[in-house]
């Protein structure tokens, strides 16, 4: 698989994907992403010299609203955990 399209699927989080060596494009836009520690793996995919995904925007928490995931500090993602708050 070279292109995986998950645009507009109302996803707020996503478990880490299995390795896909042939993947060139990962479409994640138009989802209400909850940018917390569970998306650390995704941060690696949207950052760097050859990002697989673009326009992956955070919906929550409020202080990340509409920021692209590549512009969120990874250190903040590591310390921000909403899972424990949802119990």
PDB file of N, CA and C in Angstrom:
ATOM      1  N   UNK A   1       0.844  -1.167   0.000  1.00  0.00           N
ATOM      2  CA  UNK A   1       0.000   0.000   0.000  1.00  0.00           C
ATOM      3  C   UNK A   1       0.895   1.238   0.000  1.00  0.00           C
ATOM      4  N   UNK A   2       0.639   2.122  -0.934  1.00  0.00           N
ATOM      5  CA  UNK A   2       1.422   3.355  -1.033  1.00  0.00           C
ATOM      6  C   UNK A   2       0.695   4.560  -0.458  1.00  0.00           C
ATOM      7  N   UNK A   3      -0.640   4.545  -0.515  1.00  0.00           N
ATOM      8  CA  UNK A   3      -1.438   5.669  -0.025  1.00  0.00           C
ATOM      9  C   UNK A   3      -2.529   5.124   0.893  1.00  0.00           C
ATOM     10  N   UNK A   4      -2.605   5.679   2.091  1.00  0.00           N
ATOM     11  CA  UNK A   4      -3.655   5.325   3.041  1.00  0.00           C
ATOM     12  C   UNK A   4      -4.434   6.596   3.348  1.00  0.00           C
ATOM     13  N   UNK A   5      -5.718   6.592   3.032  1.00  0.00           N
ATOM     14  CA  UNK A   5      -6.562   7.773   3.210  1.00  0.00           C
ATOM     15  C   UNK A   5      -7.529   7.550   4.367  1.00  0.00           C
ATOM     16  N   UNK A   6      -7.382   8.367   5.390  1.00  0.00           N
ATOM     17  CA  UNK A   6      -8.264   8.330   6.557  1.00  0.00           C
ATOM     18  C   UNK A   6      -8.915   9.691   6.788  1.00  0.00           C
ATOM     19  N   UNK A   7      -8.899  10.546   5.784  1.00  0.00           N
ATOM     20  CA  UNK A   7      -9.498  11.885   5.882  1.00  0.00           C
ATOM     21  C   UNK A   7     -10.975  11.801   6.235  1.00  0.00           C
ATOM     22  N   UNK A   8     -11.418  12.731   7.063  1.00  0.00           N
ATOM     23  CA  UNK A   8     -12.839  12.917   7.324  1.00  0.00           C
ATOM     24  C   UNK A   8     -13.554  11.713   7.900  1.00  0.00           C
ATOM     25  N   UNK A   9     -12.902  10.947   8.750  1.00  0.00           N
ATOM     26  CA  UNK A   9     -13.518   9.764   9.353  1.00  0.00           C
ATOM     27  C   UNK A   9     -13.904   9.973  10.812  1.00  0.00           C
ATOM     28  N   UNK A  10     -13.891  11.224  11.273  1.00  0.00           N
ATOM     29  CA  UNK A  10     -14.251  11.564  12.648  1.00  0.00           C
ATOM     30  C   UNK A  10     -13.352  10.860  13.671  1.00  0.00           C
ATOM     31  N   UNK A  11     -12.080  10.672  13.313  1.00  0.00           N
ATOM     32  CA  UNK A  11     -11.111  10.047  14.210  1.00  0.00           C
ATOM     33  C   UNK A  11     -10.562  11.084  15.181  1.00  0.00           C
ATOM     34  N   UNK A  12     -10.485  10.724  16.449  1.00  0.00           N
ATOM     35  CA  UNK A  12      -9.864  11.620  17.424  1.00  0.00           C
ATOM     36  C   UNK A  12      -8.538  11.053  17.916  1.00  0.00           C
ATOM     37  N   UNK A  13      -8.365   9.754  17.797  1.00  0.00           N
ATOM     38  CA  UNK A  13      -7.099   9.111  18.128  1.00  0.00           C
ATOM     39  C   UNK A  13      -6.952   7.893  17.235  1.00  0.00           C
ATOM     40  N   UNK A  14      -5.753   7.369  17.189  1.00  0.00           N
ATOM     41  CA  UNK A  14      -5.472   6.227  16.322  1.00  0.00           C
ATOM     42  C   UNK A  14      -4.270   5.499  16.894  1.00  0.00           C
ATOM     43  N   UNK A  15      -4.421   4.201  17.088  1.00  0.00           N
ATOM     44  CA  UNK A  15      -3.295   3.405  17.563  1.00  0.00           C
ATOM     45  C   UNK A  15      -2.197   3.366  16.514  1.00  0.00           C
ATOM     46  N   UNK A  16      -1.000   3.083  16.963  1.00  0.00           N
ATOM     47  CA  UNK A  16       0.142   3.065  16.052  1.00  0.00           C
ATOM     48  C   UNK A  16      -0.076   2.036  14.955  1.00  0.00           C
ATOM     49  N   UNK A  17       0.184   2.453  13.741  1.00  0.00           N
ATOM     50  CA  UNK A  17       0.009   1.581  12.588  1.00  0.00           C
ATOM     51  C   UNK A  17       1.155   0.585  12.491  1.00  0.00           C
ATOM     52  N   UNK A  18       0.853  -0.574  11.944  1.00  0.00           N
ATOM     53  CA  UNK A  18       1.897  -1.561  11.672  1.00  0.00           C
ATOM     54  C   UNK A  18       2.831  -0.986  10.607  1.00  0.00           C
ATOM     55  N   UNK A  19       4.092  -1.391  10.611  1.00  0.00           N
ATOM     56  CA  UNK A  19       5.027  -0.883   9.600  1.00  0.00           C
ATOM     57  C   UNK A  19       4.538  -1.179   8.180  1.00  0.00           C
ATOM     58  N   UNK A  20       4.597  -0.172   7.349  1.00  0.00           N
ATOM     59  CA  UNK A  20       4.227  -0.299   5.938  1.00  0.00           C
ATOM     60  C   UNK A  20       5.353   0.319   5.122  1.00  0.00           C
ATOM     61  N   UNK A  21       6.351  -0.466   4.767  1.00  0.00           N
ATOM     62  CA  UNK A  21       7.533   0.071   4.090  1.00  0.00           C
ATOM     63  C   UNK A  21       7.242   0.809   2.789  1.00  0.00           C
ATOM     64  N   UNK A  22       6.177   0.431   2.093  1.00  0.00           N
ATOM     65  CA  UNK A  22       5.895   1.081   0.810  1.00  0.00           C
ATOM     66  C   UNK A  22       5.002   2.312   0.947  1.00  0.00           C
ATOM     67  N   UNK A  23       4.541   2.624   2.160  1.00  0.00           N
ATOM     68  CA  UNK A  23       3.657   3.775   2.367  1.00  0.00           C
ATOM     69  C   UNK A  23       4.389   5.079   2.057  1.00  0.00           C
ATOM     70  N   UNK A  24       3.801   5.861   1.160  1.00  0.00           N
ATOM     71  CA  UNK A  24       4.372   7.155   0.775  1.00  0.00           C
ATOM     72  C   UNK A  24       3.526   8.312   1.267  1.00  0.00           C
ATOM     73  N   UNK A  25       2.201   8.107   1.344  1.00  0.00           N
ATOM     74  CA  UNK A  25       1.274   9.179   1.720  1.00  0.00           C
ATOM     75  C   UNK A  25       0.269   8.634   2.727  1.00  0.00           C
ATOM     76  N   UNK A  26       0.103   9.370   3.817  1.00  0.00           N
ATOM     77  CA  UNK A  26      -0.887   9.050   4.834  1.00  0.00           C
ATOM     78  C   UNK A  26      -1.779  10.273   4.978  1.00  0.00           C
ATOM     79  N   UNK A  27      -3.027  10.142   4.598  1.00  0.00           N
ATOM     80  CA  UNK A  27      -3.963  11.277   4.632  1.00  0.00           C
ATOM     81  C   UNK A  27      -4.789  11.213   5.914  1.00  0.00           C
ATOM     82  N   UNK A  28      -4.582  12.199   6.763  1.00  0.00           N
ATOM     83  CA  UNK A  28      -5.203  12.227   8.089  1.00  0.00           C
ATOM     84  C   UNK A  28      -6.020  13.486   8.348  1.00  0.00           C
ATOM     85  N   UNK A  29      -6.126  14.359   7.378  1.00  0.00           N
ATOM     86  CA  UNK A  29      -6.790  15.658   7.559  1.00  0.00           C
ATOM     87  C   UNK A  29      -8.284  15.491   7.829  1.00  0.00           C
ATOM     88  N   UNK A  30      -8.879  16.582   8.281  1.00  0.00           N
ATOM     89  CA  UNK A  30     -10.322  16.677   8.497  1.00  0.00           C
ATOM     90  C   UNK A  30     -10.844  15.670   9.520  1.00  0.00           C
ATOM     91  N   UNK A  31     -10.058  15.447  10.558  1.00  0.00           N
ATOM     92  CA  UNK A  31     -10.464  14.633  11.696  1.00  0.00           C
ATOM     93  C   UNK A  31     -10.269  15.465  12.961  1.00  0.00           C
ATOM     94  N   UNK A  32     -11.111  15.275  13.968  1.00  0.00           N
ATOM     95  CA  UNK A  32     -10.986  16.052  15.211  1.00  0.00           C
ATOM     96  C   UNK A  32      -9.956  15.427  16.160  1.00  0.00           C
ATOM     97  N   UNK A  33      -8.680  15.508  15.813  1.00  0.00           N
ATOM     98  CA  UNK A  33      -7.622  14.843  16.569  1.00  0.00           C
ATOM     99  C   UNK A  33      -7.497  15.369  17.992  1.00  0.00           C
ATOM    100  N   UNK A  34      -7.391  14.448  18.921  1.00  0.00           N
ATOM    101  CA  UNK A  34      -7.088  14.752  20.313  1.00  0.00           C
ATOM    102  C   UNK A  34      -5.583  14.595  20.455  1.00  0.00           C
ATOM    103  N   UNK A  35      -4.871  15.694  20.474  1.00  0.00           N
ATOM    104  CA  UNK A  35      -3.404  15.671  20.459  1.00  0.00           C
ATOM    105  C   UNK A  35      -2.865  15.490  21.870  1.00  0.00           C
ATOM    106  N   UNK A  36      -2.656  14.251  22.230  1.00  0.00           N
ATOM    107  CA  UNK A  36      -2.092  13.917  23.531  1.00  0.00           C
ATOM    108  C   UNK A  36      -1.001  12.872  23.341  1.00  0.00           C
ATOM    109  N   UNK A  37      -0.562  12.262  24.428  1.00  0.00           N
ATOM    110  CA  UNK A  37       0.579  11.345  24.372  1.00  0.00           C
ATOM    111  C   UNK A  37       0.333  10.140  23.473  1.00  0.00           C
ATOM    112  N   UNK A  38      -0.920   9.799  23.208  1.00  0.00           N
ATOM    113  CA  UNK A  38      -1.202   8.643  22.349  1.00  0.00           C
ATOM    114  C   UNK A  38      -0.886   8.903  20.884  1.00  0.00           C
ATOM    115  N   UNK A  39      -0.666  10.168  20.512  1.00  0.00           N
ATOM    116  CA  UNK A  39      -0.323  10.492  19.116  1.00  0.00           C
ATOM    117  C   UNK A  39       1.160  10.788  18.932  1.00  0.00           C
ATOM    118  N   UNK A  40       1.977  10.415  19.898  1.00  0.00           N
ATOM    119  CA  UNK A  40       3.428  10.631  19.759  1.00  0.00           C
ATOM    120  C   UNK A  40       3.962   9.977  18.492  1.00  0.00           C
ATOM    121  N   UNK A  41       3.512   8.764  18.224  1.00  0.00           N
ATOM    122  CA  UNK A  41       3.988   8.050  17.033  1.00  0.00           C
ATOM    123  C   UNK A  41       3.611   8.806  15.764  1.00  0.00           C
ATOM    124  N   UNK A  42       2.431   9.415  15.754  1.00  0.00           N
ATOM    125  CA  UNK A  42       1.969  10.146  14.579  1.00  0.00           C
ATOM    126  C   UNK A  42       2.793  11.417  14.369  1.00  0.00           C
ATOM    127  N   UNK A  43       3.204  12.025  15.455  1.00  0.00           N
ATOM    128  CA  UNK A  43       4.046  13.224  15.378  1.00  0.00           C
ATOM    129  C   UNK A  43       5.301  12.930  14.562  1.00  0.00           C
ATOM    130  N   UNK A  44       5.868  11.753  14.731  1.00  0.00           N
ATOM    131  CA  UNK A  44       7.068  11.369  13.984  1.00  0.00           C
ATOM    132  C   UNK A  44       6.778  11.257  12.487  1.00  0.00           C
ATOM    133  N   UNK A  45       5.565  10.849  12.137  1.00  0.00           N
ATOM    134  CA  UNK A  45       5.202  10.706  10.722  1.00  0.00           C
ATOM    135  C   UNK A  45       4.946  12.035  10.032  1.00  0.00           C
ATOM    136  N   UNK A  46       4.501  13.029  10.786  1.00  0.00           N
ATOM    137  CA  UNK A  46       4.168  14.318  10.172  1.00  0.00           C
ATOM    138  C   UNK A  46       5.321  15.305  10.235  1.00  0.00           C
ATOM    139  N   UNK A  47       6.384  14.929  10.912  1.00  0.00           N
ATOM    140  CA  UNK A  47       7.559  15.796  11.036  1.00  0.00           C
ATOM    141  C   UNK A  47       8.731  15.171  10.300  1.00  0.00           C
ATOM    142  N   UNK A  48       9.761  15.931  10.159  1.00  0.00           N
ATOM    143  CA  UNK A  48      10.973  15.391   9.559  1.00  0.00           C
ATOM    144  C   UNK A  48      11.134  15.770   8.103  1.00  0.00           C
ATOM    145  N   UNK A  49      12.199  15.274   7.488  1.00  0.00           N
ATOM    146  CA  UNK A  49      12.536  15.682   6.121  1.00  0.00           C
ATOM    147  C   UNK A  49      11.542  15.203   5.057  1.00  0.00           C
ATOM    148  N   UNK A  50      10.915  14.046   5.275  1.00  0.00           N
ATOM    149  CA  UNK A  50       9.938  13.521   4.312  1.00  0.00           C
ATOM    150  C   UNK A  50       8.666  13.115   5.041  1.00  0.00           C
ATOM    151  N   UNK A  51       7.858  14.087   5.447  1.00  0.00           N
ATOM    152  CA  UNK A  51       6.648  13.737   6.199  1.00  0.00           C
ATOM    153  C   UNK A  51       5.667  12.947   5.341  1.00  0.00           C
ATOM    154  N   UNK A  52       5.056  11.932   5.938  1.00  0.00           N
ATOM    155  CA  UNK A  52       4.059  11.127   5.235  1.00  0.00           C
ATOM    156  C   UNK A  52       2.700  11.813   5.201  1.00  0.00           C
ATOM    157  N   UNK A  53       2.440  12.645   6.200  1.00  0.00           N
ATOM    158  CA  UNK A  53       1.129  13.287   6.308  1.00  0.00           C
ATOM    159  C   UNK A  53       1.297  14.789   6.478  1.00  0.00           C
ATOM    160  N   UNK A  54       0.313  15.533   5.983  1.00  0.00           N
ATOM    161  CA  UNK A  54       0.303  16.986   6.128  1.00  0.00           C
ATOM    162  C   UNK A  54      -1.089  17.423   6.547  1.00  0.00           C
ATOM    163  N   UNK A  55      -1.169  18.616   7.100  1.00  0.00           N
ATOM    164  CA  UNK A  55      -2.448  19.205   7.515  1.00  0.00           C
ATOM    165  C   UNK A  55      -3.192  18.361   8.541  1.00  0.00           C
ATOM    166  N   UNK A  56      -2.441  17.724   9.416  1.00  0.00           N
ATOM    167  CA  UNK A  56      -3.042  16.975  10.512  1.00  0.00           C
ATOM    168  C   UNK A  56      -3.216  17.953  11.659  1.00  0.00           C
ATOM    169  N   UNK A  57      -4.446  18.420  11.858  1.00  0.00           N
ATOM    170  CA  UNK A  57      -4.708  19.490  12.826  1.00  0.00           C
ATOM    171  C   UNK A  57      -5.345  18.956  14.099  1.00  0.00           C
ATOM    172  N   UNK A  58      -4.884  19.521  15.206  1.00  0.00           N
ATOM    173  CA  UNK A  58      -5.435  19.176  16.516  1.00  0.00           C
ATOM    174  C   UNK A  58      -6.789  19.860  16.693  1.00  0.00           C
ATOM    175  N   UNK A  59      -7.704  19.161  17.290  1.00  0.00           N
ATOM    176  CA  UNK A  59      -9.003  19.725  17.635  1.00  0.00           C
ATOM    177  C   UNK A  59      -9.050  19.997  19.146  1.00  0.00           C
ATOM    178  N   UNK A  60      -8.501  19.077  19.897  1.00  0.00           N
ATOM    179  CA  UNK A  60      -8.411  19.190  21.347  1.00  0.00           C
ATOM    180  C   UNK A  60      -7.018  18.774  21.777  1.00  0.00           C
ATOM    181  N   UNK A  61      -6.570  19.168  22.923  1.00  0.00           N
ATOM    182  CA  UNK A  61      -7.150  20.103  23.883  1.00  0.00           C
ATOM    183  C   UNK A  61      -7.209  21.518  23.316  1.00  0.00           C
ATOM    184  N   UNK A  62      -7.940  22.356  23.996  1.00  0.00           N
ATOM    185  CA  UNK A  62      -8.225  23.702  23.489  1.00  0.00           C
ATOM    186  C   UNK A  62      -6.968  24.500  23.148  1.00  0.00           C
ATOM    187  N   UNK A  63      -5.897  24.345  23.928  1.00  0.00           N
ATOM    188  CA  UNK A  63      -4.695  25.148  23.660  1.00  0.00           C
ATOM    189  C   UNK A  63      -3.939  24.673  22.418  1.00  0.00           C
ATOM    190  N   UNK A  64      -4.317  23.546  21.826  1.00  0.00           N
ATOM    191  CA  UNK A  64      -3.738  23.093  20.558  1.00  0.00           C
ATOM    192  C   UNK A  64      -4.705  23.268  19.389  1.00  0.00           C
ATOM    193  N   UNK A  65      -5.913  23.744  19.655  1.00  0.00           N
ATOM    194  CA  UNK A  65      -6.957  23.798  18.626  1.00  0.00           C
ATOM    195  C   UNK A  65      -6.476  24.472  17.342  1.00  0.00           C
ATOM    196  N   UNK A  66      -6.628  23.765  16.244  1.00  0.00           N
ATOM    197  CA  UNK A  66      -6.293  24.192  14.877  1.00  0.00           C
ATOM    198  C   UNK A  66      -4.790  24.299  14.613  1.00  0.00           C
ATOM    199  N   UNK A  67      -3.960  23.901  15.545  1.00  0.00           N
ATOM    200  CA  UNK A  67      -2.517  23.836  15.271  1.00  0.00           C
ATOM    201  C   UNK A  67      -2.237  22.520  14.563  1.00  0.00           C
ATOM    202  N   UNK A  68      -1.332  22.558  13.618  1.00  0.00           N
ATOM    203  CA  UNK A  68      -0.957  21.309  12.970  1.00  0.00           C
ATOM    204  C   UNK A  68      -0.104  20.497  13.936  1.00  0.00           C
ATOM    205  N   UNK A  69      -0.237  19.196  13.846  1.00  0.00           N
ATOM    206  CA  UNK A  69       0.496  18.322  14.753  1.00  0.00           C
ATOM    207  C   UNK A  69       1.998  18.520  14.624  1.00  0.00           C
ATOM    208  N   UNK A  70       2.470  18.814  13.424  1.00  0.00           N
ATOM    209  CA  UNK A  70       3.915  19.024  13.271  1.00  0.00           C
ATOM    210  C   UNK A  70       4.403  20.266  14.016  1.00  0.00           C
ATOM    211  N   UNK A  71       3.496  21.189  14.352  1.00  0.00           N
ATOM    212  CA  UNK A  71       3.868  22.402  15.086  1.00  0.00           C
ATOM    213  C   UNK A  71       3.611  22.311  16.589  1.00  0.00           C
ATOM    214  N   UNK A  72       3.230  21.143  17.061  1.00  0.00           N
ATOM    215  CA  UNK A  72       3.062  20.925  18.495  1.00  0.00           C
ATOM    216  C   UNK A  72       4.365  20.335  19.021  1.00  0.00           C
ATOM    217  N   UNK A  73       4.875  20.900  20.092  1.00  0.00           N
ATOM    218  CA  UNK A  73       6.128  20.441  20.686  1.00  0.00           C
ATOM    219  C   UNK A  73       5.969  19.006  21.193  1.00  0.00           C
ATOM    220  N   UNK A  74       6.826  18.119  20.720  1.00  0.00           N
ATOM    221  CA  UNK A  74       6.735  16.710  21.105  1.00  0.00           C
ATOM    222  C   UNK A  74       6.880  16.529  22.612  1.00  0.00           C
ATOM    223  N   UNK A  75       7.650  17.365  23.270  1.00  0.00           N
ATOM    224  CA  UNK A  75       7.802  17.265  24.725  1.00  0.00           C
ATOM    225  C   UNK A  75       6.471  17.497  25.427  1.00  0.00           C
ATOM    226  N   UNK A  76       5.648  18.373  24.884  1.00  0.00           N
ATOM    227  CA  UNK A  76       4.329  18.632  25.465  1.00  0.00           C
ATOM    228  C   UNK A  76       3.431  17.418  25.263  1.00  0.00           C
ATOM    229  N   UNK A  77       3.514  16.774  24.110  1.00  0.00           N
ATOM    230  CA  UNK A  77       2.724  15.565  23.870  1.00  0.00           C
ATOM    231  C   UNK A  77       3.085  14.474  24.867  1.00  0.00           C
ATOM    232  N   UNK A  78       4.362  14.355  25.187  1.00  0.00           N
ATOM    233  CA  UNK A  78       4.804  13.320  26.120  1.00  0.00           C
ATOM    234  C   UNK A  78       4.261  13.546  27.521  1.00  0.00           C
ATOM    235  N   UNK A  79       4.020  14.786  27.887  1.00  0.00           N
ATOM    236  CA  UNK A  79       3.552  15.070  29.241  1.00  0.00           C
ATOM    237  C   UNK A  79       2.046  15.246  29.320  1.00  0.00           C
ATOM    238  N   UNK A  80       1.392  15.420  28.183  1.00  0.00           N
ATOM    239  CA  UNK A  80      -0.046  15.660  28.197  1.00  0.00           C
ATOM    240  C   UNK A  80      -0.771  14.352  27.942  1.00  0.00           C
ATOM    241  N   UNK A  81      -1.485  13.857  28.949  1.00  0.00           N
ATOM    242  CA  UNK A  81      -2.197  12.592  28.849  1.00  0.00           C
ATOM    243  C   UNK A  81      -3.648  12.832  29.213  1.00  0.00           C
ATOM    244  N   UNK A  82      -4.531  12.721  28.251  1.00  0.00           N
ATOM    245  CA  UNK A  82      -5.955  12.920  28.531  1.00  0.00           C
ATOM    246  C   UNK A  82      -6.633  11.616  28.893  1.00  0.00           C
ATOM    247  N   UNK A  83      -5.998  10.490  28.646  1.00  0.00           N
ATOM    248  CA  UNK A  83      -6.617   9.191  28.903  1.00  0.00           C
ATOM    249  C   UNK A  83      -7.024   9.049  30.364  1.00  0.00           C
ATOM    250  N   UNK A  84      -6.138   9.410  31.256  1.00  0.00           N
ATOM    251  CA  UNK A  84      -6.436   9.270  32.682  1.00  0.00           C
ATOM    252  C   UNK A  84      -7.561  10.205  33.113  1.00  0.00           C
ATOM    253  N   UNK A  85      -7.779  11.284  32.384  1.00  0.00           N
ATOM    254  CA  UNK A  85      -8.828  12.240  32.729  1.00  0.00           C
ATOM    255  C   UNK A  85     -10.198  11.798  32.229  1.00  0.00           C
ATOM    256  N   UNK A  86     -10.243  10.799  31.344  1.00  0.00           N
ATOM    257  CA  UNK A  86     -11.510  10.381  30.750  1.00  0.00           C
ATOM    258  C   UNK A  86     -12.189   9.268  31.531  1.00  0.00           C
ATOM    259  N   UNK A  87     -11.613   8.798  32.616  1.00  0.00           N
ATOM    260  CA  UNK A  87     -12.192   7.693  33.396  1.00  0.00           C
ATOM    261  C   UNK A  87     -13.461   8.098  34.078  1.00  0.00           C
TER     262      UNK A  87
END
